[in-house]
N, C-alpha and C. Protein backbone atom coordinates (compact mmCIF):
# COMPACT_ATOMS: atom_id res chain seq x y z
N MET A 1 0.84 -1.17 0.00
CA MET A 1 0.00 0.00 0.00
C MET A 1 0.89 1.24 0.00
N SER A 2 0.61 2.17 -0.88
CA SER A 2 1.39 3.39 -0.94
C SER A 2 0.89 4.40 0.09
N ILE A 3 1.81 4.96 0.83
CA ILE A 3 1.47 5.95 1.84
C ILE A 3 1.41 7.31 1.16
N THR A 4 0.31 8.04 1.37
CA THR A 4 0.17 9.34 0.74
C THR A 4 0.21 10.44 1.79
N PRO A 5 1.15 11.36 1.69
CA PRO A 5 1.19 12.45 2.66
C PRO A 5 -0.08 13.29 2.59
N PHE A 6 -0.65 13.61 3.74
CA PHE A 6 -1.79 14.52 3.84
C PHE A 6 -3.04 14.00 3.14
N GLY A 7 -3.11 12.70 2.89
CA GLY A 7 -4.31 12.12 2.32
C GLY A 7 -4.60 12.49 0.88
N ARG A 8 -3.64 13.03 0.14
CA ARG A 8 -3.89 13.38 -1.26
C ARG A 8 -3.11 12.45 -2.17
N GLY A 9 -3.57 12.41 -3.41
CA GLY A 9 -2.86 11.62 -4.40
C GLY A 9 -1.54 12.29 -4.77
N ALA A 10 -0.68 11.53 -5.36
CA ALA A 10 0.63 12.06 -5.77
C ALA A 10 0.46 13.12 -6.85
N ALA A 11 1.37 14.09 -6.85
CA ALA A 11 1.39 15.09 -7.91
C ALA A 11 1.70 14.41 -9.23
N ILE A 12 2.53 13.38 -9.17
CA ILE A 12 2.88 12.62 -10.37
C ILE A 12 3.25 11.19 -9.97
N THR A 13 2.88 10.26 -10.81
CA THR A 13 3.28 8.87 -10.65
C THR A 13 3.99 8.45 -11.93
N VAL A 14 5.16 7.87 -11.77
CA VAL A 14 5.95 7.39 -12.90
C VAL A 14 6.12 5.89 -12.74
N THR A 15 5.74 5.14 -13.76
CA THR A 15 5.92 3.69 -13.77
C THR A 15 7.00 3.36 -14.78
N VAL A 16 8.06 2.73 -14.32
CA VAL A 16 9.21 2.42 -15.16
C VAL A 16 9.30 0.91 -15.35
N HIS A 17 9.46 0.47 -16.58
CA HIS A 17 9.66 -0.95 -16.87
C HIS A 17 11.11 -1.14 -17.30
N GLY A 18 11.78 -2.09 -16.70
CA GLY A 18 13.18 -2.36 -17.00
C GLY A 18 13.88 -2.84 -15.76
N THR A 19 15.13 -3.20 -15.90
CA THR A 19 15.90 -3.72 -14.77
C THR A 19 16.63 -2.58 -14.06
N PRO A 20 16.30 -2.34 -12.77
CA PRO A 20 16.98 -1.28 -12.04
C PRO A 20 18.49 -1.47 -12.02
N GLY A 21 19.20 -0.40 -12.31
CA GLY A 21 20.66 -0.43 -12.35
C GLY A 21 21.25 0.46 -11.28
N PRO A 22 22.20 -0.05 -10.51
CA PRO A 22 22.79 0.73 -9.42
C PRO A 22 23.83 1.72 -9.89
N GLN A 23 23.80 2.90 -9.27
CA GLN A 23 24.86 3.87 -9.51
C GLN A 23 25.87 3.68 -8.40
N GLY A 24 26.98 3.08 -8.74
CA GLY A 24 27.97 2.78 -7.73
C GLY A 24 29.21 3.61 -7.91
N SER A 25 30.31 2.95 -7.84
CA SER A 25 31.59 3.61 -7.97
C SER A 25 31.86 3.97 -9.42
N LYS A 26 32.75 4.91 -9.58
CA LYS A 26 33.19 5.29 -10.93
C LYS A 26 34.63 4.81 -11.10
N ARG A 27 34.96 4.53 -12.37
CA ARG A 27 36.32 4.12 -12.71
C ARG A 27 37.02 5.25 -13.41
N HIS A 28 38.25 5.48 -13.07
CA HIS A 28 39.03 6.55 -13.70
C HIS A 28 39.76 5.97 -14.90
N LEU A 29 39.50 6.55 -16.08
CA LEU A 29 40.14 6.08 -17.31
C LEU A 29 41.43 6.84 -17.61
N GLY A 30 41.64 7.92 -16.90
CA GLY A 30 42.81 8.75 -17.17
C GLY A 30 42.39 10.03 -17.86
N GLY A 31 43.20 11.04 -17.73
CA GLY A 31 42.91 12.32 -18.37
C GLY A 31 41.64 12.97 -17.83
N GLY A 32 41.27 12.66 -16.59
CA GLY A 32 40.08 13.25 -15.99
C GLY A 32 38.77 12.60 -16.42
N VAL A 33 38.84 11.50 -17.18
CA VAL A 33 37.63 10.82 -17.65
C VAL A 33 37.23 9.74 -16.65
N MET A 34 35.96 9.82 -16.20
CA MET A 34 35.42 8.85 -15.26
C MET A 34 34.22 8.17 -15.91
N ILE A 35 34.07 6.86 -15.69
CA ILE A 35 32.90 6.14 -16.18
C ILE A 35 32.30 5.31 -15.05
N GLU A 36 31.00 5.01 -15.19
CA GLU A 36 30.31 4.19 -14.20
C GLU A 36 30.87 2.78 -14.24
N SER A 37 31.00 2.16 -13.07
CA SER A 37 31.47 0.78 -13.00
C SER A 37 30.41 -0.20 -13.49
N SER A 38 29.13 0.10 -13.21
CA SER A 38 28.03 -0.79 -13.60
C SER A 38 27.54 -0.47 -15.01
N LYS A 39 27.44 -1.49 -15.83
CA LYS A 39 26.94 -1.33 -17.20
C LYS A 39 25.42 -1.16 -17.22
N LYS A 40 24.76 -1.40 -16.09
CA LYS A 40 23.31 -1.32 -16.02
C LYS A 40 22.79 0.08 -15.74
N VAL A 41 23.68 1.01 -15.32
CA VAL A 41 23.25 2.35 -14.93
C VAL A 41 22.67 3.12 -16.11
N ARG A 42 23.38 3.19 -17.20
CA ARG A 42 22.93 3.99 -18.34
C ARG A 42 21.57 3.53 -18.88
N PRO A 43 21.36 2.22 -19.16
CA PRO A 43 20.04 1.81 -19.66
C PRO A 43 18.93 2.09 -18.65
N TRP A 44 19.21 1.90 -17.36
CA TRP A 44 18.19 2.15 -16.34
C TRP A 44 17.84 3.64 -16.30
N ARG A 45 18.83 4.49 -16.29
CA ARG A 45 18.56 5.94 -16.29
C ARG A 45 17.73 6.34 -17.50
N GLN A 46 18.04 5.77 -18.65
CA GLN A 46 17.26 6.08 -19.86
C GLN A 46 15.82 5.60 -19.71
N ASP A 47 15.62 4.39 -19.16
CA ASP A 47 14.27 3.88 -18.94
C ASP A 47 13.49 4.82 -18.01
N VAL A 48 14.14 5.26 -16.93
CA VAL A 48 13.49 6.15 -15.96
C VAL A 48 13.15 7.48 -16.61
N LYS A 49 14.11 8.04 -17.33
CA LYS A 49 13.89 9.35 -17.94
C LYS A 49 12.75 9.29 -18.96
N TRP A 50 12.72 8.25 -19.81
CA TRP A 50 11.65 8.14 -20.82
C TRP A 50 10.30 7.93 -20.16
N ALA A 51 10.24 7.15 -19.10
CA ALA A 51 8.97 6.95 -18.39
C ALA A 51 8.52 8.26 -17.75
N ALA A 52 9.46 9.01 -17.19
CA ALA A 52 9.13 10.30 -16.58
C ALA A 52 8.65 11.29 -17.64
N LEU A 53 9.31 11.31 -18.79
CA LEU A 53 8.88 12.20 -19.88
C LEU A 53 7.47 11.84 -20.35
N ASP A 54 7.17 10.53 -20.46
CA ASP A 54 5.82 10.10 -20.83
C ASP A 54 4.80 10.58 -19.81
N ALA A 55 5.12 10.45 -18.52
CA ALA A 55 4.20 10.85 -17.46
C ALA A 55 3.97 12.37 -17.47
N THR A 56 5.03 13.13 -17.73
CA THR A 56 4.87 14.59 -17.71
C THR A 56 4.22 15.11 -18.99
N ARG A 57 4.39 14.42 -20.12
CA ARG A 57 3.72 14.83 -21.36
C ARG A 57 2.20 14.73 -21.24
N ALA A 58 1.74 13.84 -20.38
CA ALA A 58 0.30 13.69 -20.16
C ALA A 58 -0.27 14.90 -19.41
N ARG A 59 0.60 15.76 -18.93
CA ARG A 59 0.20 16.99 -18.22
C ARG A 59 0.81 18.17 -18.94
N PRO A 60 0.09 18.77 -19.87
CA PRO A 60 0.65 19.83 -20.73
C PRO A 60 1.30 21.00 -20.00
N ALA A 61 0.82 21.35 -18.82
CA ALA A 61 1.37 22.50 -18.10
C ALA A 61 2.45 22.09 -17.10
N TRP A 62 2.95 20.87 -17.20
CA TRP A 62 3.91 20.36 -16.21
C TRP A 62 5.22 21.12 -16.24
N VAL A 63 5.68 21.47 -15.05
CA VAL A 63 7.04 22.00 -14.86
C VAL A 63 7.65 21.19 -13.73
N PRO A 64 8.96 20.94 -13.76
CA PRO A 64 9.57 20.16 -12.68
C PRO A 64 9.25 20.76 -11.31
N LEU A 65 8.93 19.90 -10.38
CA LEU A 65 8.58 20.32 -9.03
C LEU A 65 9.78 20.94 -8.33
N ASP A 66 9.54 22.02 -7.62
CA ASP A 66 10.59 22.69 -6.89
C ASP A 66 10.08 22.92 -5.47
N GLY A 67 10.95 22.99 -4.52
CA GLY A 67 10.54 23.09 -3.12
C GLY A 67 10.60 21.73 -2.47
N PRO A 68 10.28 21.65 -1.19
CA PRO A 68 10.38 20.38 -0.47
C PRO A 68 9.40 19.33 -1.02
N LEU A 69 9.91 18.12 -1.23
CA LEU A 69 9.11 17.04 -1.81
C LEU A 69 9.19 15.79 -0.95
N ALA A 70 8.13 14.99 -1.04
CA ALA A 70 8.11 13.64 -0.47
C ALA A 70 7.99 12.69 -1.66
N ALA A 71 8.57 11.52 -1.53
CA ALA A 71 8.50 10.54 -2.62
C ALA A 71 8.35 9.14 -2.06
N ALA A 72 7.77 8.28 -2.88
CA ALA A 72 7.69 6.85 -2.59
C ALA A 72 8.29 6.16 -3.81
N VAL A 73 9.23 5.27 -3.58
CA VAL A 73 9.90 4.56 -4.67
C VAL A 73 9.92 3.07 -4.34
N VAL A 74 9.26 2.29 -5.20
CA VAL A 74 9.16 0.85 -4.99
C VAL A 74 9.75 0.14 -6.20
N PHE A 75 10.84 -0.59 -5.97
CA PHE A 75 11.53 -1.33 -7.03
C PHE A 75 11.02 -2.76 -7.08
N THR A 76 10.84 -3.27 -8.28
CA THR A 76 10.39 -4.65 -8.47
C THR A 76 11.47 -5.44 -9.19
N PHE A 77 11.75 -6.64 -8.70
CA PHE A 77 12.73 -7.53 -9.30
C PHE A 77 12.09 -8.88 -9.61
N ALA A 78 12.60 -9.55 -10.63
CA ALA A 78 12.14 -10.90 -10.96
C ALA A 78 12.73 -11.87 -9.95
N ARG A 79 11.96 -12.88 -9.62
CA ARG A 79 12.48 -13.93 -8.74
C ARG A 79 13.43 -14.82 -9.53
N PRO A 80 14.54 -15.23 -8.93
CA PRO A 80 15.43 -16.18 -9.60
C PRO A 80 14.72 -17.53 -9.77
N ARG A 81 15.07 -18.25 -10.80
CA ARG A 81 14.47 -19.57 -11.04
C ARG A 81 14.70 -20.52 -9.88
N GLY A 82 15.79 -20.34 -9.17
CA GLY A 82 16.11 -21.21 -8.04
C GLY A 82 15.14 -21.07 -6.87
N HIS A 83 14.29 -20.04 -6.88
CA HIS A 83 13.30 -19.87 -5.82
C HIS A 83 12.11 -20.81 -6.00
N TYR A 84 12.01 -21.40 -7.20
CA TYR A 84 10.85 -22.25 -7.51
C TYR A 84 11.21 -23.73 -7.42
N ARG A 85 10.20 -24.52 -7.20
CA ARG A 85 10.37 -25.98 -7.16
C ARG A 85 10.57 -26.48 -8.58
N THR A 86 10.70 -27.77 -8.73
CA THR A 86 10.94 -28.36 -10.06
C THR A 86 9.80 -29.31 -10.43
N GLY A 87 9.83 -29.76 -11.67
CA GLY A 87 8.84 -30.74 -12.14
C GLY A 87 7.44 -30.17 -12.18
N ARG A 88 6.48 -30.98 -11.78
CA ARG A 88 5.08 -30.54 -11.85
C ARG A 88 4.76 -29.44 -10.85
N ASN A 89 5.66 -29.18 -9.90
CA ASN A 89 5.47 -28.11 -8.92
C ASN A 89 6.31 -26.87 -9.24
N ALA A 90 6.77 -26.77 -10.48
CA ALA A 90 7.66 -25.68 -10.88
C ALA A 90 7.02 -24.29 -10.72
N HIS A 91 5.73 -24.22 -10.62
CA HIS A 91 5.04 -22.94 -10.45
C HIS A 91 4.96 -22.51 -8.99
N LEU A 92 5.37 -23.38 -8.08
CA LEU A 92 5.31 -23.09 -6.64
C LEU A 92 6.67 -22.66 -6.10
N LEU A 93 6.64 -21.73 -5.16
CA LEU A 93 7.88 -21.29 -4.51
C LEU A 93 8.39 -22.36 -3.55
N ARG A 94 9.69 -22.45 -3.43
CA ARG A 94 10.29 -23.33 -2.42
C ARG A 94 9.98 -22.73 -1.04
N ASP A 95 9.92 -23.57 -0.05
CA ASP A 95 9.66 -23.11 1.32
C ASP A 95 10.73 -22.12 1.78
N ALA A 96 11.95 -22.30 1.34
CA ALA A 96 13.07 -21.46 1.76
C ALA A 96 13.22 -20.19 0.92
N ALA A 97 12.36 -19.98 -0.07
CA ALA A 97 12.47 -18.78 -0.92
C ALA A 97 12.23 -17.53 -0.08
N PRO A 98 13.12 -16.55 -0.17
CA PRO A 98 12.95 -15.34 0.64
C PRO A 98 11.77 -14.50 0.14
N ALA A 99 11.15 -13.77 1.05
CA ALA A 99 10.01 -12.92 0.70
C ALA A 99 10.44 -11.66 -0.04
N ARG A 100 11.62 -11.14 0.28
CA ARG A 100 12.10 -9.89 -0.33
C ARG A 100 13.53 -10.09 -0.83
N PRO A 101 13.92 -9.32 -1.85
CA PRO A 101 15.27 -9.45 -2.43
C PRO A 101 16.36 -8.76 -1.61
N ALA A 102 16.89 -9.43 -0.61
CA ALA A 102 17.95 -8.89 0.23
C ALA A 102 19.31 -9.22 -0.38
N VAL A 103 19.46 -8.91 -1.65
CA VAL A 103 20.67 -9.20 -2.42
C VAL A 103 21.01 -7.99 -3.29
N TYR A 104 22.12 -8.08 -4.02
CA TYR A 104 22.53 -7.05 -4.97
C TYR A 104 21.39 -6.79 -5.94
N PRO A 105 21.14 -5.58 -6.35
CA PRO A 105 21.87 -4.34 -6.04
C PRO A 105 21.39 -3.69 -4.75
N ASP A 106 22.27 -2.86 -4.19
CA ASP A 106 21.94 -2.13 -2.97
C ASP A 106 20.80 -1.16 -3.24
N LEU A 107 19.89 -1.08 -2.30
CA LEU A 107 18.74 -0.17 -2.43
C LEU A 107 19.20 1.28 -2.60
N SER A 108 20.18 1.69 -1.82
CA SER A 108 20.64 3.08 -1.89
C SER A 108 21.25 3.40 -3.25
N LYS A 109 21.89 2.42 -3.87
CA LYS A 109 22.54 2.68 -5.17
C LYS A 109 21.53 2.71 -6.32
N ILE A 110 20.49 1.89 -6.26
CA ILE A 110 19.48 1.98 -7.33
C ILE A 110 18.62 3.23 -7.13
N LEU A 111 18.44 3.64 -5.89
CA LEU A 111 17.72 4.89 -5.64
C LEU A 111 18.50 6.07 -6.21
N ARG A 112 19.80 6.08 -6.00
CA ARG A 112 20.63 7.19 -6.47
C ARG A 112 20.56 7.35 -7.99
N SER A 113 20.64 6.24 -8.72
CA SER A 113 20.58 6.34 -10.18
C SER A 113 19.18 6.77 -10.64
N THR A 114 18.16 6.37 -9.91
CA THR A 114 16.79 6.73 -10.24
C THR A 114 16.55 8.22 -9.98
N GLU A 115 17.00 8.69 -8.83
CA GLU A 115 16.85 10.11 -8.50
C GLU A 115 17.51 11.00 -9.55
N ASP A 116 18.72 10.65 -9.94
CA ASP A 116 19.43 11.46 -10.93
C ASP A 116 18.69 11.51 -12.26
N ALA A 117 18.07 10.41 -12.66
CA ALA A 117 17.35 10.37 -13.93
C ALA A 117 16.09 11.23 -13.92
N LEU A 118 15.54 11.51 -12.74
CA LEU A 118 14.32 12.31 -12.62
C LEU A 118 14.59 13.81 -12.57
N THR A 119 15.85 14.17 -12.33
CA THR A 119 16.23 15.58 -12.22
C THR A 119 16.01 16.30 -13.54
N GLY A 120 15.32 17.43 -13.44
CA GLY A 120 15.03 18.25 -14.62
C GLY A 120 13.76 17.82 -15.35
N VAL A 121 13.19 16.67 -14.96
CA VAL A 121 11.96 16.20 -15.60
C VAL A 121 10.83 16.19 -14.58
N VAL A 122 11.00 15.47 -13.49
CA VAL A 122 9.98 15.39 -12.44
C VAL A 122 10.23 16.47 -11.39
N TRP A 123 11.48 16.61 -10.98
CA TRP A 123 11.83 17.63 -10.00
C TRP A 123 13.00 18.45 -10.49
N ALA A 124 13.13 19.65 -9.92
CA ALA A 124 14.21 20.54 -10.33
C ALA A 124 15.57 19.94 -9.97
N ASP A 125 15.63 19.30 -8.81
CA ASP A 125 16.87 18.68 -8.35
C ASP A 125 16.52 17.63 -7.31
N ASP A 126 17.26 16.54 -7.28
CA ASP A 126 16.95 15.49 -6.30
C ASP A 126 17.20 15.94 -4.86
N ALA A 127 17.90 17.04 -4.67
CA ALA A 127 18.09 17.58 -3.32
C ALA A 127 16.78 18.10 -2.74
N ARG A 128 15.75 18.30 -3.57
CA ARG A 128 14.44 18.77 -3.10
C ARG A 128 13.68 17.69 -2.33
N VAL A 129 14.07 16.43 -2.49
CA VAL A 129 13.39 15.34 -1.78
C VAL A 129 13.88 15.36 -0.33
N VAL A 130 12.93 15.63 0.58
CA VAL A 130 13.27 15.71 2.00
C VAL A 130 12.73 14.53 2.79
N GLU A 131 11.91 13.70 2.14
CA GLU A 131 11.30 12.58 2.86
C GLU A 131 10.90 11.49 1.88
N TYR A 132 11.11 10.25 2.30
CA TYR A 132 10.59 9.10 1.56
C TYR A 132 9.50 8.47 2.41
N THR A 133 8.29 8.41 1.85
CA THR A 133 7.18 7.79 2.57
C THR A 133 7.23 6.28 2.43
N ARG A 134 7.88 5.82 1.39
CA ARG A 134 8.05 4.38 1.17
C ARG A 134 9.26 4.19 0.26
N LEU A 135 10.06 3.21 0.59
CA LEU A 135 11.25 2.90 -0.20
C LEU A 135 11.53 1.43 0.00
N GLY A 136 11.58 0.66 -1.09
CA GLY A 136 11.82 -0.76 -0.92
C GLY A 136 12.07 -1.53 -2.19
N LYS A 137 12.57 -2.75 -2.00
CA LYS A 137 12.79 -3.72 -3.08
C LYS A 137 11.85 -4.89 -2.84
N TYR A 138 11.16 -5.31 -3.90
CA TYR A 138 10.20 -6.41 -3.80
C TYR A 138 10.37 -7.35 -4.98
N TYR A 139 9.92 -8.57 -4.82
CA TYR A 139 9.82 -9.48 -5.95
C TYR A 139 8.48 -9.24 -6.63
N ALA A 140 8.42 -9.50 -7.92
CA ALA A 140 7.23 -9.26 -8.73
C ALA A 140 6.02 -10.04 -8.23
N ASP A 141 4.85 -9.51 -8.60
CA ASP A 141 3.57 -10.19 -8.36
C ASP A 141 3.27 -10.50 -6.90
N THR A 142 3.41 -9.51 -6.03
CA THR A 142 3.08 -9.72 -4.62
C THR A 142 1.64 -9.36 -4.31
N GLY A 143 0.97 -8.70 -5.26
CA GLY A 143 -0.38 -8.24 -5.01
C GLY A 143 -0.42 -6.81 -4.50
N ASP A 144 0.71 -6.25 -4.16
CA ASP A 144 0.81 -4.86 -3.72
C ASP A 144 0.62 -3.96 -4.94
N PRO A 145 -0.18 -2.89 -4.85
CA PRO A 145 -0.44 -2.04 -6.02
C PRO A 145 0.80 -1.33 -6.59
N ASP A 146 1.83 -1.14 -5.77
CA ASP A 146 3.04 -0.48 -6.27
C ASP A 146 4.12 -1.47 -6.71
N VAL A 147 3.85 -2.75 -6.60
CA VAL A 147 4.79 -3.77 -7.04
C VAL A 147 4.33 -4.27 -8.40
N LEU A 148 5.21 -4.16 -9.38
CA LEU A 148 4.87 -4.53 -10.75
C LEU A 148 4.90 -6.04 -10.96
N GLY A 149 4.42 -6.47 -12.11
CA GLY A 149 4.45 -7.89 -12.46
C GLY A 149 5.76 -8.29 -13.11
N ALA A 150 6.61 -7.33 -13.40
CA ALA A 150 7.91 -7.56 -14.04
C ALA A 150 8.88 -6.51 -13.47
N PRO A 151 10.18 -6.68 -13.70
CA PRO A 151 11.14 -5.71 -13.16
C PRO A 151 10.83 -4.27 -13.56
N GLY A 152 11.06 -3.37 -12.62
CA GLY A 152 10.82 -1.96 -12.86
C GLY A 152 10.69 -1.21 -11.56
N CYS A 153 9.88 -0.14 -11.60
CA CYS A 153 9.79 0.74 -10.45
C CYS A 153 8.53 1.59 -10.55
N VAL A 154 7.91 1.88 -9.42
CA VAL A 154 6.82 2.85 -9.34
C VAL A 154 7.29 3.98 -8.45
N ILE A 155 7.20 5.20 -8.97
CA ILE A 155 7.67 6.39 -8.28
C ILE A 155 6.49 7.33 -8.11
N ARG A 156 6.25 7.77 -6.89
CA ARG A 156 5.20 8.75 -6.62
C ARG A 156 5.84 9.93 -5.91
N VAL A 157 5.46 11.15 -6.31
CA VAL A 157 6.07 12.36 -5.74
C VAL A 157 4.98 13.35 -5.34
N TRP A 158 5.15 13.97 -4.15
CA TRP A 158 4.23 14.96 -3.63
C TRP A 158 5.00 16.20 -3.21
N PRO A 159 4.46 17.38 -3.51
CA PRO A 159 5.05 18.58 -2.90
C PRO A 159 4.59 18.64 -1.45
N LEU A 160 5.47 19.03 -0.55
CA LEU A 160 5.11 19.14 0.86
C LEU A 160 4.61 20.56 1.14
N HIS A 161 3.60 20.64 1.95
CA HIS A 161 3.05 21.92 2.35
C HIS A 161 4.09 22.62 3.24
N PRO A 162 4.29 23.93 3.07
CA PRO A 162 5.32 24.63 3.85
C PRO A 162 5.19 24.45 5.35
N ALA A 163 3.99 24.36 5.90
CA ALA A 163 3.81 24.21 7.35
C ALA A 163 4.36 22.87 7.84
N VAL A 164 4.40 21.87 6.98
CA VAL A 164 4.86 20.54 7.37
C VAL A 164 6.39 20.46 7.42
N THR A 165 7.04 21.30 6.68
CA THR A 165 8.50 21.24 6.58
C THR A 165 9.21 21.99 7.70
N ARG A 166 8.46 22.71 8.53
CA ARG A 166 9.08 23.49 9.62
C ARG A 166 9.40 22.62 10.79
């Protein structure tokens, strides 16, 4: 269930389909050139940016949000095949299958790459986010409305009322 600040709907909801990529360390190539260590960052950022552009195009007067913001970010991952039984029970989870993906990539690193991709489209700068009402990694098809049926992410953003930020 998505938590909504002040009982209102999000100013914008962005649904991203694709495999979340972590923004981790950078590698120095020499001559001042740095590149991301993870090859998944660039495609993920592009997926996020295109999904955000699609969401904002649906609102002709949209301008990136500025001022204090709250956000909810829910990442969805596919379950590994090893979580399932074999043979005629291949559609059933093993008893030992974990409920949540407590494995790579780190939540903070996929959040960082996602935040950067939203800058200039959804919000003026990711520094405007002062609160996360929900942040998590889930396996697909849990029945939760913010958890997708395939890898991706649901992002909801709200402007905070000035009285709440004091």
